[in-house]
Amino acid sequence: MTCETGSTGRTTAYWSRAAAAVSVVIPLPQVSATDQHRTIVARLTNARQDIDGGQWRSSVTCDLIGRVREEVSAAASRNRFVDLLEAGDVPRDRLTWLAGEQFRIVGSDQRSFALLAARFPDPPAGEMFLALAQGELRALRLLADFAAALGWAERDLRAYEPRPLAQAYPAYLAWSALFDTCSGSYSA
């Protein structure tokens, strides 16, 4: 994401959507929330209100995003799954489950982003959606290597029966790609 902006109206709407997306993507853990988590969420909420209220400047917004990134990085706790993976304590069936779910998720997201790029080809939206679709293609290639290391071929990935809850976001993204407006798709 670049902080250089186009027209003021498009920029305000863009940053408003970005603030909304960040506040959705960084949920406050209910049980293990720290004061740092609360501070970050409070700053994001205040920033969102300022942006929505029109009280912003692009340099201030860029500075805020940079500070939030630093704080999230500094406050990030260890990931339990990654810790277990590094220790070799993740059962093989969990890894194959992960590969199967990701195969469906990544494939669905790639199609959704490609559709969004086709529906909204003008910059910056078209470029962003196309880059996202290309990123998902790269992820699919890496996922195939991961699955092969687990002894799964592409036919095994295709035969995997996904779990509905794991597919909720890809389903929402696919719906947005088909029926939403360009501005609504940014927040998906």
C-alpha atoms as a PDB file:
ATOM      1  CA  MET A   1       0.000   0.000   0.000  1.00  0.00           C
ATOM      2  CA  THR A   2       1.427   3.346  -0.923  1.00  0.00           C
ATOM      3  CA  CYS A   3       0.712   6.563   0.893  1.00  0.00           C
ATOM      4  CA  GLU A   4       0.793   8.674  -2.236  1.00  0.00           C
ATOM      5  CA  THR A   5      -2.727   9.558  -3.186  1.00  0.00           C
ATOM      6  CA  GLY A   6      -4.857  10.581  -6.102  1.00  0.00           C
ATOM      7  CA  SER A   7      -7.890  12.805  -5.828  1.00  0.00           C
ATOM      8  CA  THR A   8      -8.982  13.865  -2.353  1.00  0.00           C
ATOM      9  CA  GLY A   9     -12.415  12.211  -2.527  1.00  0.00           C
ATOM     10  CA  ARG A  10     -11.026   8.863  -3.642  1.00  0.00           C
ATOM     11  CA  THR A  11      -8.278   9.104  -1.062  1.00  0.00           C
ATOM     12  CA  THR A  12     -10.648   9.774   1.833  1.00  0.00           C
ATOM     13  CA  ALA A  13     -12.831   6.836   0.845  1.00  0.00           C
ATOM     14  CA  TYR A  14      -9.774   4.626   0.379  1.00  0.00           C
ATOM     15  CA  TRP A  15      -8.293   5.414   3.796  1.00  0.00           C
ATOM     16  CA  SER A  16     -11.673   5.010   5.435  1.00  0.00           C
ATOM     17  CA  ARG A  17     -11.936   1.528   3.941  1.00  0.00           C
ATOM     18  CA  ALA A  18      -8.339   0.792   4.932  1.00  0.00           C
ATOM     19  CA  ALA A  19      -9.025   1.786   8.540  1.00  0.00           C
ATOM     20  CA  ALA A  20     -12.151  -0.357   8.552  1.00  0.00           C
ATOM     21  CA  ALA A  21     -10.231  -3.307   7.132  1.00  0.00           C
ATOM     22  CA  VAL A  22      -7.455  -2.953   9.690  1.00  0.00           C
ATOM     23  CA  SER A  23      -9.947  -2.806  12.553  1.00  0.00           C
ATOM     24  CA  VAL A  24     -11.539  -6.025  11.293  1.00  0.00           C
ATOM     25  CA  VAL A  25      -8.262  -7.823  10.598  1.00  0.00           C
ATOM     26  CA  ILE A  26      -6.730  -7.130  14.014  1.00  0.00           C
ATOM     27  CA  PRO A  27      -9.326  -8.483  16.457  1.00  0.00           C
ATOM     28  CA  LEU A  28      -8.847  -7.908  20.158  1.00  0.00           C
ATOM     29  CA  PRO A  29      -8.316 -11.283  21.841  1.00  0.00           C
ATOM     30  CA  GLN A  30     -11.024 -11.618  24.491  1.00  0.00           C
ATOM     31  CA  VAL A  31      -9.107 -13.797  26.922  1.00  0.00           C
ATOM     32  CA  SER A  32      -5.485 -12.793  26.496  1.00  0.00           C
ATOM     33  CA  ALA A  33      -5.823  -9.116  25.594  1.00  0.00           C
ATOM     34  CA  THR A  34      -2.929  -7.045  26.858  1.00  0.00           C
ATOM     35  CA  ASP A  35      -2.770  -3.324  27.461  1.00  0.00           C
ATOM     36  CA  GLN A  36      -0.787  -3.066  24.212  1.00  0.00           C
ATOM     37  CA  HIS A  37      -3.621  -4.779  22.321  1.00  0.00           C
ATOM     38  CA  ARG A  38      -6.156  -2.396  23.861  1.00  0.00           C
ATOM     39  CA  THR A  39      -3.978   0.622  23.012  1.00  0.00           C
ATOM     40  CA  ILE A  40      -3.604  -0.465  19.378  1.00  0.00           C
ATOM     41  CA  VAL A  41      -7.325  -1.105  18.962  1.00  0.00           C
ATOM     42  CA  ALA A  42      -8.157   2.229  20.651  1.00  0.00           C
ATOM     43  CA  ARG A  43      -5.786   4.085  18.289  1.00  0.00           C
ATOM     44  CA  LEU A  44      -7.280   2.329  15.271  1.00  0.00           C
ATOM     45  CA  THR A  45     -10.781   3.200  16.451  1.00  0.00           C
ATOM     46  CA  ASN A  46      -9.807   6.854  16.978  1.00  0.00           C
ATOM     47  CA  ALA A  47      -8.110   6.950  13.581  1.00  0.00           C
ATOM     48  CA  ARG A  48     -11.179   5.460  11.942  1.00  0.00           C
ATOM     49  CA  GLN A  49     -13.375   8.121  13.562  1.00  0.00           C
ATOM     50  CA  ASP A  50     -10.983  10.884  12.476  1.00  0.00           C
ATOM     51  CA  ILE A  51     -10.848   9.573   8.917  1.00  0.00           C
ATOM     52  CA  ASP A  52     -14.619   9.115   8.741  1.00  0.00           C
ATOM     53  CA  GLY A  53     -15.058  12.633  10.152  1.00  0.00           C
ATOM     54  CA  GLY A  54     -12.776  14.100   7.487  1.00  0.00           C
ATOM     55  CA  GLN A  55     -10.086  15.079   9.993  1.00  0.00           C
ATOM     56  CA  TRP A  56      -7.064  13.666   8.242  1.00  0.00           C
ATOM     57  CA  ARG A  57      -4.073  14.506   6.099  1.00  0.00           C
ATOM     58  CA  SER A  58      -2.359  11.914   3.962  1.00  0.00           C
ATOM     59  CA  SER A  59       0.985  12.356   5.758  1.00  0.00           C
ATOM     60  CA  VAL A  60      -0.720  11.928   9.120  1.00  0.00           C
ATOM     61  CA  THR A  61      -2.499   8.841   7.839  1.00  0.00           C
ATOM     62  CA  CYS A  62       0.754   7.356   6.522  1.00  0.00           C
ATOM     63  CA  ASP A  63       2.443   8.097   9.839  1.00  0.00           C
ATOM     64  CA  LEU A  64      -0.410   6.442  11.710  1.00  0.00           C
ATOM     65  CA  ILE A  65      -0.232   3.341   9.545  1.00  0.00           C
ATOM     66  CA  GLY A  66       3.521   3.125  10.061  1.00  0.00           C
ATOM     67  CA  ARG A  67       3.171   3.475  13.835  1.00  0.00           C
ATOM     68  CA  VAL A  68       0.405   0.875  13.989  1.00  0.00           C
ATOM     69  CA  ARG A  69       2.512  -1.567  11.970  1.00  0.00           C
ATOM     70  CA  GLU A  70       5.428  -1.071  14.371  1.00  0.00           C
ATOM     71  CA  GLU A  71       3.207  -1.481  17.433  1.00  0.00           C
ATOM     72  CA  VAL A  72       1.500  -4.583  16.091  1.00  0.00           C
ATOM     73  CA  SER A  73       4.905  -6.083  15.287  1.00  0.00           C
ATOM     74  CA  ALA A  74       6.242  -5.232  18.727  1.00  0.00           C
ATOM     75  CA  ALA A  75       3.119  -6.487  20.510  1.00  0.00           C
ATOM     76  CA  ALA A  76       2.763  -9.652  18.487  1.00  0.00           C
ATOM     77  CA  SER A  77       2.923 -12.624  20.745  1.00  0.00           C
ATOM     78  CA  ARG A  78       4.254 -15.959  19.702  1.00  0.00           C
ATOM     79  CA  ASN A  79       1.965 -18.028  17.525  1.00  0.00           C
ATOM     80  CA  ARG A  80       1.131 -21.295  19.291  1.00  0.00           C
ATOM     81  CA  PHE A  81       0.718 -23.209  16.032  1.00  0.00           C
ATOM     82  CA  VAL A  82       4.091 -22.035  14.718  1.00  0.00           C
ATOM     83  CA  ASP A  83       5.720 -22.918  18.039  1.00  0.00           C
ATOM     84  CA  LEU A  84       4.224 -26.437  17.866  1.00  0.00           C
ATOM     85  CA  LEU A  85       5.259 -26.764  14.220  1.00  0.00           C
ATOM     86  CA  GLU A  86       8.846 -25.771  14.999  1.00  0.00           C
ATOM     87  CA  ALA A  87       8.928 -28.330  17.818  1.00  0.00           C
ATOM     88  CA  GLY A  88       7.547 -31.050  15.514  1.00  0.00           C
ATOM     89  CA  ASP A  89       4.463 -31.465  17.701  1.00  0.00           C
ATOM     90  CA  VAL A  90       1.754 -30.859  15.076  1.00  0.00           C
ATOM     91  CA  PRO A  91       0.125 -34.172  14.101  1.00  0.00           C
ATOM     92  CA  ARG A  92       0.365 -35.077  10.419  1.00  0.00           C
ATOM     93  CA  ASP A  93      -3.444 -35.181  10.063  1.00  0.00           C
ATOM     94  CA  ARG A  94      -3.595 -31.531  11.163  1.00  0.00           C
ATOM     95  CA  LEU A  95      -1.069 -30.567   8.516  1.00  0.00           C
ATOM     96  CA  THR A  96      -2.982 -32.413   5.791  1.00  0.00           C
ATOM     97  CA  TRP A  97      -6.174 -30.746   7.053  1.00  0.00           C
ATOM     98  CA  LEU A  98      -4.413 -27.377   6.757  1.00  0.00           C
ATOM     99  CA  ALA A  99      -3.234 -28.177   3.223  1.00  0.00           C
ATOM    100  CA  GLY A 100      -6.721 -29.278   2.147  1.00  0.00           C
ATOM    101  CA  GLU A 101      -8.446 -26.198   3.579  1.00  0.00           C
ATOM    102  CA  GLN A 102      -5.843 -23.846   2.155  1.00  0.00           C
ATOM    103  CA  PHE A 103      -6.123 -25.450  -1.280  1.00  0.00           C
ATOM    104  CA  ARG A 104      -9.825 -24.543  -1.351  1.00  0.00           C
ATOM    105  CA  ILE A 105      -9.352 -21.110   0.224  1.00  0.00           C
ATOM    106  CA  VAL A 106      -6.446 -20.014  -1.976  1.00  0.00           C
ATOM    107  CA  GLY A 107      -8.087 -21.300  -5.169  1.00  0.00           C
ATOM    108  CA  SER A 108     -11.331 -19.517  -4.341  1.00  0.00           C
ATOM    109  CA  ASP A 109      -9.528 -16.275  -3.462  1.00  0.00           C
ATOM    110  CA  GLN A 110      -7.519 -16.399  -6.692  1.00  0.00           C
ATOM    111  CA  ARG A 111     -10.711 -16.661  -8.745  1.00  0.00           C
ATOM    112  CA  SER A 112     -12.377 -13.901  -6.724  1.00  0.00           C
ATOM    113  CA  PHE A 113      -9.454 -11.497  -7.136  1.00  0.00           C
ATOM    114  CA  ALA A 114      -9.236 -12.269 -10.870  1.00  0.00           C
ATOM    115  CA  LEU A 115     -12.944 -11.530 -11.222  1.00  0.00           C
ATOM    116  CA  LEU A 116     -12.548  -8.276  -9.298  1.00  0.00           C
ATOM    117  CA  ALA A 117      -9.630  -7.306 -11.556  1.00  0.00           C
ATOM    118  CA  ALA A 118     -11.827  -7.968 -14.596  1.00  0.00           C
ATOM    119  CA  ARG A 119     -14.821  -6.092 -13.167  1.00  0.00           C
ATOM    120  CA  PHE A 120     -12.797  -3.085 -11.990  1.00  0.00           C
ATOM    121  CA  PRO A 121      -9.770  -2.810 -14.325  1.00  0.00           C
ATOM    122  CA  ASP A 122      -9.001   0.885 -13.733  1.00  0.00           C
ATOM    123  CA  PRO A 123      -6.076   1.788 -11.459  1.00  0.00           C
ATOM    124  CA  PRO A 124      -5.548   1.459  -8.596  1.00  0.00           C
ATOM    125  CA  ALA A 125      -8.243  -1.195  -8.047  1.00  0.00           C
ATOM    126  CA  GLY A 126      -7.505  -3.305 -11.119  1.00  0.00           C
ATOM    127  CA  GLU A 127      -3.786  -3.369 -10.433  1.00  0.00           C
ATOM    128  CA  MET A 128      -4.322  -4.298  -6.795  1.00  0.00           C
ATOM    129  CA  PHE A 129      -6.800  -7.097  -7.542  1.00  0.00           C
ATOM    130  CA  LEU A 130      -4.590  -8.481 -10.306  1.00  0.00           C
ATOM    131  CA  ALA A 131      -1.565  -8.476  -7.973  1.00  0.00           C
ATOM    132  CA  LEU A 132      -3.615 -10.265  -5.327  1.00  0.00           C
ATOM    133  CA  ALA A 133      -4.717 -12.913  -7.854  1.00  0.00           C
ATOM    134  CA  GLN A 134      -1.087 -13.426  -8.884  1.00  0.00           C
ATOM    135  CA  GLY A 135      -0.098 -13.757  -5.225  1.00  0.00           C
ATOM    136  CA  GLU A 136      -2.711 -16.465  -4.749  1.00  0.00           C
ATOM    137  CA  LEU A 137      -1.302 -18.328  -7.764  1.00  0.00           C
ATOM    138  CA  ARG A 138       2.128 -18.229  -6.151  1.00  0.00           C
ATOM    139  CA  ALA A 139       0.585 -19.499  -2.903  1.00  0.00           C
ATOM    140  CA  LEU A 140      -1.032 -22.403  -4.777  1.00  0.00           C
ATOM    141  CA  ARG A 141       2.363 -23.418  -6.160  1.00  0.00           C
ATOM    142  CA  LEU A 142       3.919 -23.320  -2.701  1.00  0.00           C
ATOM    143  CA  LEU A 143       0.955 -25.208  -1.281  1.00  0.00           C
ATOM    144  CA  ALA A 144       1.471 -27.990  -3.824  1.00  0.00           C
ATOM    145  CA  ASP A 145       5.042 -28.377  -2.536  1.00  0.00           C
ATOM    146  CA  PHE A 146       3.788 -28.428   1.063  1.00  0.00           C
ATOM    147  CA  ALA A 147       1.183 -31.090   0.234  1.00  0.00           C
ATOM    148  CA  ALA A 148       3.775 -33.168  -1.633  1.00  0.00           C
ATOM    149  CA  ALA A 149       5.988 -33.104   1.465  1.00  0.00           C
ATOM    150  CA  LEU A 150       3.017 -34.604   3.331  1.00  0.00           C
ATOM    151  CA  GLY A 151       2.587 -37.294   0.678  1.00  0.00           C
ATOM    152  CA  TRP A 152      -0.462 -35.681  -0.933  1.00  0.00           C
ATOM    153  CA  ALA A 153      -0.843 -35.220  -4.673  1.00  0.00           C
ATOM    154  CA  GLU A 154      -3.113 -32.665  -6.351  1.00  0.00           C
ATOM    155  CA  ARG A 155      -5.834 -35.323  -6.637  1.00  0.00           C
ATOM    156  CA  ASP A 156      -5.771 -35.675  -2.827  1.00  0.00           C
ATOM    157  CA  LEU A 157      -6.138 -31.918  -2.413  1.00  0.00           C
ATOM    158  CA  ARG A 158      -9.058 -31.853  -4.853  1.00  0.00           C
ATOM    159  CA  ALA A 159     -10.719 -34.812  -3.084  1.00  0.00           C
ATOM    160  CA  TYR A 160     -10.445 -33.166   0.337  1.00  0.00           C
ATOM    161  CA  GLU A 161     -13.877 -32.267   1.750  1.00  0.00           C
ATOM    162  CA  PRO A 162     -13.590 -28.748   3.204  1.00  0.00           C
ATOM    163  CA  ARG A 163     -15.162 -27.722   6.497  1.00  0.00           C
ATOM    164  CA  PRO A 164     -17.819 -25.011   6.182  1.00  0.00           C
ATOM    165  CA  LEU A 165     -16.469 -22.690   8.882  1.00  0.00           C
ATOM    166  CA  ALA A 166     -13.033 -22.563   7.264  1.00  0.00           C
ATOM    167  CA  GLN A 167     -14.678 -21.489   4.010  1.00  0.00           C
ATOM    168  CA  ALA A 168     -16.756 -18.590   5.397  1.00  0.00           C
ATOM    169  CA  TYR A 169     -14.385 -15.803   4.360  1.00  0.00           C
ATOM    170  CA  PRO A 170     -13.677 -17.173   0.849  1.00  0.00           C
ATOM    171  CA  ALA A 171     -17.451 -17.454   0.356  1.00  0.00           C
ATOM    172  CA  TYR A 172     -17.879 -13.825   1.432  1.00  0.00           C
ATOM    173  CA  LEU A 173     -15.056 -12.700  -0.846  1.00  0.00           C
ATOM    174  CA  ALA A 174     -16.572 -14.629  -3.781  1.00  0.00           C
ATOM    175  CA  TRP A 175     -19.968 -13.021  -3.129  1.00  0.00           C
ATOM    176  CA  SER A 176     -18.305  -9.582  -2.995  1.00  0.00           C
ATOM    177  CA  ALA A 177     -16.449 -10.271  -6.248  1.00  0.00           C
ATOM    178  CA  LEU A 178     -19.718 -11.128  -7.993  1.00  0.00           C
ATOM    179  CA  PHE A 179     -22.133  -8.595  -6.573  1.00  0.00           C
ATOM    180  CA  ASP A 180     -20.380  -5.808  -4.674  1.00  0.00           C
ATOM    181  CA  THR A 181     -19.265  -2.378  -5.830  1.00  0.00           C
ATOM    182  CA  CYS A 182     -15.603  -1.554  -6.213  1.00  0.00           C
ATOM    183  CA  SER A 183     -15.550   0.415  -2.960  1.00  0.00           C
ATOM    184  CA  GLY A 184     -17.341  -2.405  -1.132  1.00  0.00           C
ATOM    185  CA  SER A 185     -14.865  -4.911  -2.520  1.00  0.00           C
ATOM    186  CA  TYR A 186     -11.934  -2.991  -1.044  1.00  0.00           C
ATOM    187  CA  SER A 187     -13.264  -3.640   2.453  1.00  0.00           C
ATOM    188  CA  ALA A 188     -13.773  -7.361   1.796  1.00  0.00           C
END
